[in-house]
Protein backbone atom coordinates (compact mmCIF):
# COMPACT_ATOMS: atom_id res chain seq x y z
CA MET A 1 -2.87 -2.90 35.09
CA ILE A 2 -1.45 0.13 33.71
CA ARG A 3 -3.27 3.26 34.93
CA LEU A 4 -0.56 5.40 33.62
CA PHE A 5 1.19 5.92 30.21
CA VAL A 6 4.15 8.09 30.04
CA GLY A 7 5.82 9.25 26.90
CA LEU A 8 9.14 11.02 27.29
CA GLY A 9 10.57 13.55 24.70
CA ASN A 10 11.60 16.68 25.03
CA PRO A 11 9.08 19.89 24.04
CA GLY A 12 9.25 22.59 21.37
CA ALA A 13 9.42 22.46 17.39
CA GLU A 14 13.05 22.13 17.24
CA TYR A 15 12.83 18.69 19.06
CA GLU A 16 9.54 17.23 18.00
CA ALA A 17 11.07 14.70 15.04
CA THR A 18 14.31 14.01 16.94
CA ARG A 19 15.48 10.39 17.69
CA HIS A 20 15.12 11.59 21.57
CA ASN A 21 11.28 12.26 21.21
CA ALA A 22 10.61 8.80 19.97
CA GLY A 23 8.40 8.53 23.58
CA PHE A 24 6.63 11.56 22.50
CA TRP A 25 5.51 10.01 18.95
CA TRP A 26 4.35 6.60 20.23
CA LEU A 27 1.86 8.35 23.03
CA ASP A 28 0.82 10.61 20.35
CA ALA A 29 -0.08 7.74 18.49
CA LEU A 30 -2.08 5.75 21.32
CA ALA A 31 -4.06 9.02 22.14
CA ALA A 32 -5.09 8.89 18.30
CA SER A 33 -6.29 5.00 18.90
CA LEU A 34 -8.02 6.02 22.13
CA LYS A 35 -9.59 8.84 20.15
CA THR A 36 -8.84 11.45 22.53
CA ARG A 37 -6.33 14.80 23.10
CA LEU A 38 -3.45 15.46 25.09
CA VAL A 39 -4.09 19.20 26.48
CA PRO A 40 -1.93 21.34 28.45
CA GLU A 41 -1.87 20.60 32.55
CA ARG A 42 -0.62 22.99 34.62
CA ALA A 43 -0.67 21.14 37.43
CA TRP A 44 1.75 18.01 35.87
CA GLN A 45 3.23 20.63 34.13
CA ALA A 46 2.53 17.92 30.85
CA LEU A 47 0.41 17.45 28.19
CA ALA A 48 -2.32 15.07 29.82
CA ALA A 49 -5.44 13.15 28.77
CA ARG A 50 -7.97 10.95 30.75
CA VAL A 51 -9.70 8.20 29.02
CA ALA A 52 -12.42 6.62 30.97
CA LEU A 53 -12.49 2.72 30.33
CA PRO A 54 -14.80 0.06 31.63
CA SER A 55 -11.56 -0.84 33.36
CA GLY A 56 -11.06 2.28 35.01
CA PRO A 57 -9.36 5.39 34.44
CA VAL A 58 -6.57 5.20 32.57
CA TRP A 59 -3.74 8.51 32.35
CA LEU A 60 -1.63 9.22 29.13
CA LEU A 61 1.10 12.08 29.89
CA GLU A 62 3.98 14.04 28.15
CA PRO A 63 5.83 15.78 30.10
CA MET A 64 7.29 19.62 29.36
CA THR A 65 9.77 20.01 31.76
CA PHE A 66 12.58 18.61 29.48
CA MET A 67 13.97 15.37 29.17
CA ASN A 68 16.10 15.66 32.63
CA ARG A 69 13.18 16.70 34.87
CA SER A 70 10.29 14.22 33.73
CA GLY A 71 10.11 12.80 37.14
CA VAL A 72 8.52 15.98 38.02
CA SER A 73 5.51 15.42 36.14
CA VAL A 74 5.21 11.94 36.39
CA ALA A 75 5.56 11.50 40.20
CA ALA A 76 3.03 14.32 40.85
CA LEU A 77 0.39 12.82 38.79
CA ALA A 78 1.22 9.30 40.28
CA ARG A 79 1.05 10.71 43.96
CA PHE A 80 -2.39 12.63 43.35
CA PHE A 81 -4.33 9.86 41.60
CA LYS A 82 -2.84 7.14 43.95
CA ILE A 83 -1.18 5.15 40.74
CA ALA A 84 1.39 2.55 42.20
CA PRO A 85 5.25 2.56 40.23
CA ASP A 86 3.57 -0.91 39.00
CA GLU A 87 0.97 0.64 37.51
CA ILE A 88 3.02 2.95 35.17
CA LEU A 89 4.34 2.45 31.81
CA VAL A 90 7.18 4.69 30.52
CA VAL A 91 7.99 4.77 26.66
CA HIS A 92 11.35 6.20 25.77
CA ASP A 93 13.82 5.66 22.99
CA GLU A 94 16.52 2.81 23.32
CA LEU A 95 20.32 3.22 21.77
CA ASP A 96 21.12 -0.91 22.35
CA LEU A 97 18.37 -1.53 20.31
CA ALA A 98 18.35 -1.42 16.36
CA PRO A 99 15.77 0.60 14.62
CA GLY A 100 11.94 -1.35 14.26
CA GLU A 101 12.81 -3.00 17.60
CA ALA A 102 10.65 -2.65 20.96
CA LYS A 103 11.23 -4.53 24.48
CA VAL A 104 8.79 -3.83 27.27
CA LYS A 105 11.23 -4.32 30.41
CA PHE A 106 10.15 -3.93 34.43
CA GLY A 107 12.43 -2.47 36.72
CA GLY A 108 16.54 -2.36 35.90
CA SER A 109 18.76 0.89 35.68
CA ALA A 110 18.13 3.72 33.92
CA ALA A 111 21.71 2.49 31.51
CA GLY A 112 21.92 6.15 30.77
CA HIS A 113 18.92 7.46 30.28
CA ASN A 114 18.16 10.90 31.71
CA GLY A 115 14.41 11.16 31.89
CA LEU A 116 14.37 7.13 33.79
CA LYS A 117 17.03 8.40 35.76
CA ASP A 118 14.64 11.11 37.04
CA ILE A 119 11.41 9.15 37.31
CA HIS A 120 13.51 7.12 39.31
CA GLY A 121 14.90 9.69 41.82
CA MET A 122 11.26 11.10 42.01
CA LEU A 123 9.43 8.27 42.19
CA GLY A 124 11.83 6.91 44.76
CA THR A 125 11.92 3.10 42.86
CA GLN A 126 12.92 1.65 39.57
CA ASP A 127 9.90 -0.39 39.84
CA PHE A 128 8.23 0.65 36.80
CA TRP A 129 7.41 -0.63 33.55
CA ARG A 130 9.31 0.46 30.38
CA LEU A 131 8.41 0.34 26.43
CA ARG A 132 11.99 0.80 25.17
CA LEU A 133 11.41 2.00 21.59
CA GLY A 134 15.28 1.25 19.42
CA ILE A 135 17.05 3.97 17.97
CA GLY A 136 20.05 2.72 17.06
CA HIS A 137 23.75 3.96 18.61
CA PRO A 138 25.97 6.36 16.82
CA GLY A 139 29.36 3.46 17.76
CA VAL A 140 31.11 6.19 19.62
CA LYS A 141 29.76 7.31 22.87
CA ASP A 142 30.87 10.83 22.57
CA GLU A 143 28.26 10.80 19.77
CA VAL A 144 25.46 10.01 21.61
CA VAL A 145 24.24 13.38 22.59
CA ASN A 146 24.14 14.59 19.18
CA TYR A 147 22.73 11.60 17.90
CA VAL A 148 19.65 11.34 20.02
CA LEU A 149 19.00 15.15 19.23
CA ARG A 150 19.19 14.64 15.25
CA LYS A 151 16.50 13.50 13.33
CA PRO A 152 16.53 9.71 12.08
CA SER A 153 16.94 8.85 8.24
CA GLY A 154 13.73 8.22 6.64
CA ALA A 155 14.74 4.50 6.61
CA ASP A 156 15.38 4.24 10.49
CA ARG A 157 12.02 6.39 11.26
CA GLU A 158 9.99 4.39 8.79
CA ALA A 159 11.57 1.30 10.89
CA ILE A 160 10.74 2.86 14.49
CA THR A 161 7.12 3.65 13.41
CA LYS A 162 6.27 0.11 12.20
CA ALA A 163 7.71 -0.67 15.62
CA ILE A 164 5.44 1.74 17.22
CA ASP A 165 2.35 -0.05 15.20
CA GLN A 166 3.10 -3.21 16.18
CA SER A 167 3.26 -2.46 20.28
CA LEU A 168 0.17 -0.33 19.71
CA GLY A 169 -1.40 -3.32 18.89
CA ALA A 170 -0.74 -4.72 22.40
CA SER A 171 -2.20 -1.65 24.25
CA GLU A 172 -5.33 -3.31 25.23
CA LEU A 173 -2.86 -6.16 26.96
CA LEU A 174 -1.00 -3.88 28.73
CA ILE A 175 -4.34 -1.96 29.84
CA ALA A 176 -5.46 -5.28 31.55
CA GLY A 177 -2.39 -6.02 32.89
CA ALA A 178 -1.99 -9.21 31.06
CA MET A 179 2.28 -8.37 30.66
CA ASP A 180 3.12 -11.63 29.92
CA LYS A 181 0.65 -11.71 26.24
CA ALA A 182 1.92 -8.24 25.54
CA GLN A 183 5.48 -8.85 26.10
CA ALA A 184 5.00 -11.76 23.40
CA ARG A 185 2.74 -9.62 20.95
CA ILE A 186 5.75 -6.75 21.03
CA HIS A 187 8.31 -8.81 20.63
CA ALA A 188 6.90 -11.38 17.93
CA ARG A 189 9.21 -10.42 15.12
CA PRO A 190 7.30 -9.87 11.63
CA PRO A 191 6.91 -12.95 9.19
CA ARG A 192 9.73 -13.30 7.12
CA PRO A 193 7.87 -12.64 3.27
CA LYS A 194 7.86 -16.24 1.51
CA PRO A 195 10.45 -16.69 -1.50
CA PRO A 196 8.28 -16.04 -5.13
CA ARG A 197 7.77 -19.95 -6.60
CA PRO A 198 9.79 -20.62 -9.16
CA THR A 199 8.37 -19.74 -12.76
CA ALA A 200 8.59 -22.73 -15.28
CA PRO A 201 10.53 -22.05 -18.31
CA PRO A 202 8.91 -21.32 -21.35
CA ILE A 203 8.02 -23.60 -23.50
CA VAL A 204 10.27 -23.57 -27.00
CA PRO A 205 7.63 -25.10 -30.17
CA ALA A 206 10.17 -27.97 -31.46
CA VAL A 207 11.52 -26.85 -34.92
CA PRO A 208 10.68 -29.63 -38.04
CA THR A 209 13.72 -31.33 -38.97
CA VAL A 210 14.73 -31.64 -43.01
CA PRO A 211 15.37 -34.32 -44.31
CA ASP A 212 18.80 -35.13 -46.03
CA VAL A 213 18.59 -34.45 -49.85
CA PRO A 214 20.36 -36.86 -52.07
CA ALA A 215 23.26 -34.99 -54.14
CA VAL A 216 22.19 -34.33 -58.10
CA PRO A 217 24.73 -35.50 -60.97
CA ALA A 218 25.94 -32.68 -62.94
CA ALA A 219 24.38 -34.13 -66.04
CA ALA A 220 21.19 -34.39 -64.44
CA THR A 221 20.94 -30.51 -63.80
CA ASN A 222 22.93 -29.35 -67.31
CA PRO A 223 22.34 -30.94 -70.39
CA ALA A 224 25.39 -29.92 -72.03
CA VAL A 225 27.35 -31.97 -69.97
CA PRO A 226 27.17 -35.82 -71.66
CA ALA A 227 26.12 -38.25 -69.22
CA ASP A 228 28.94 -40.18 -69.50
CA ARG A 229 31.26 -37.52 -68.21
CA GLY A 230 29.86 -38.01 -64.25
CA ALA A 231 32.31 -37.29 -61.66
CA GLY A 232 35.13 -39.61 -61.83
CA ALA A 233 34.85 -40.57 -65.88
CA THR A 234 38.27 -40.77 -68.23
CA PRO A 235 37.85 -38.73 -71.58
CA PRO A 236 37.83 -41.42 -74.84
CA LEU A 237 41.71 -41.40 -76.60
CA PRO A 238 41.77 -39.80 -80.46
CA LYS A 239 42.19 -42.79 -83.04
CA GLU A 240 45.43 -42.61 -84.68
CA PRO A 241 45.55 -42.57 -88.74
CA ALA A 242 45.87 -45.27 -90.65
């Protein structure tokens, strides 16, 4: 089971809405769902909360040591409460996933993430769980530092929020240690919207046809024209004098 949830980020209002603080966003949402509040804990140099559950206590932790010293807080709390590395889930921003994607992973390298590097160094092992929240990549390696310390676009923030909501739906499975089921739920893609049904073309009422009317001779419509002066008639020749 997961006994310690860690969200990574940087303290301070200037970093609050930046991509690098996606781990904080997730942990704040988890605290709200568990109806608890993170409070400063000097012993752990962090914001922390303890939640009493039927399965046992669960800790929530946001290190206030800045990203590259996150391991100080994590190791101090884990050692004091005898929490094993494989009972820890670290939530962090992930450059190699697009905004809106989330992946659960056990162990492996830090892939350049300074927070993960420090946790690895302080725990002495890479064998802890990670929840990777996609933030996208700037496309140029030299831009990574500036990119993670900037706010995402409105569309990207909305996509990250949706990924947070979906992964939070697996929090009970994570706490219970049902990691395969949790992975399946977190990795599931949302169903594609169904295409709209084709609408039937409007019914146009038929226009009644008018029967052909036979042509009327000119004499029938004009009394001044003699009946024998119809179309094509030849006028009579004048008589010669006797």
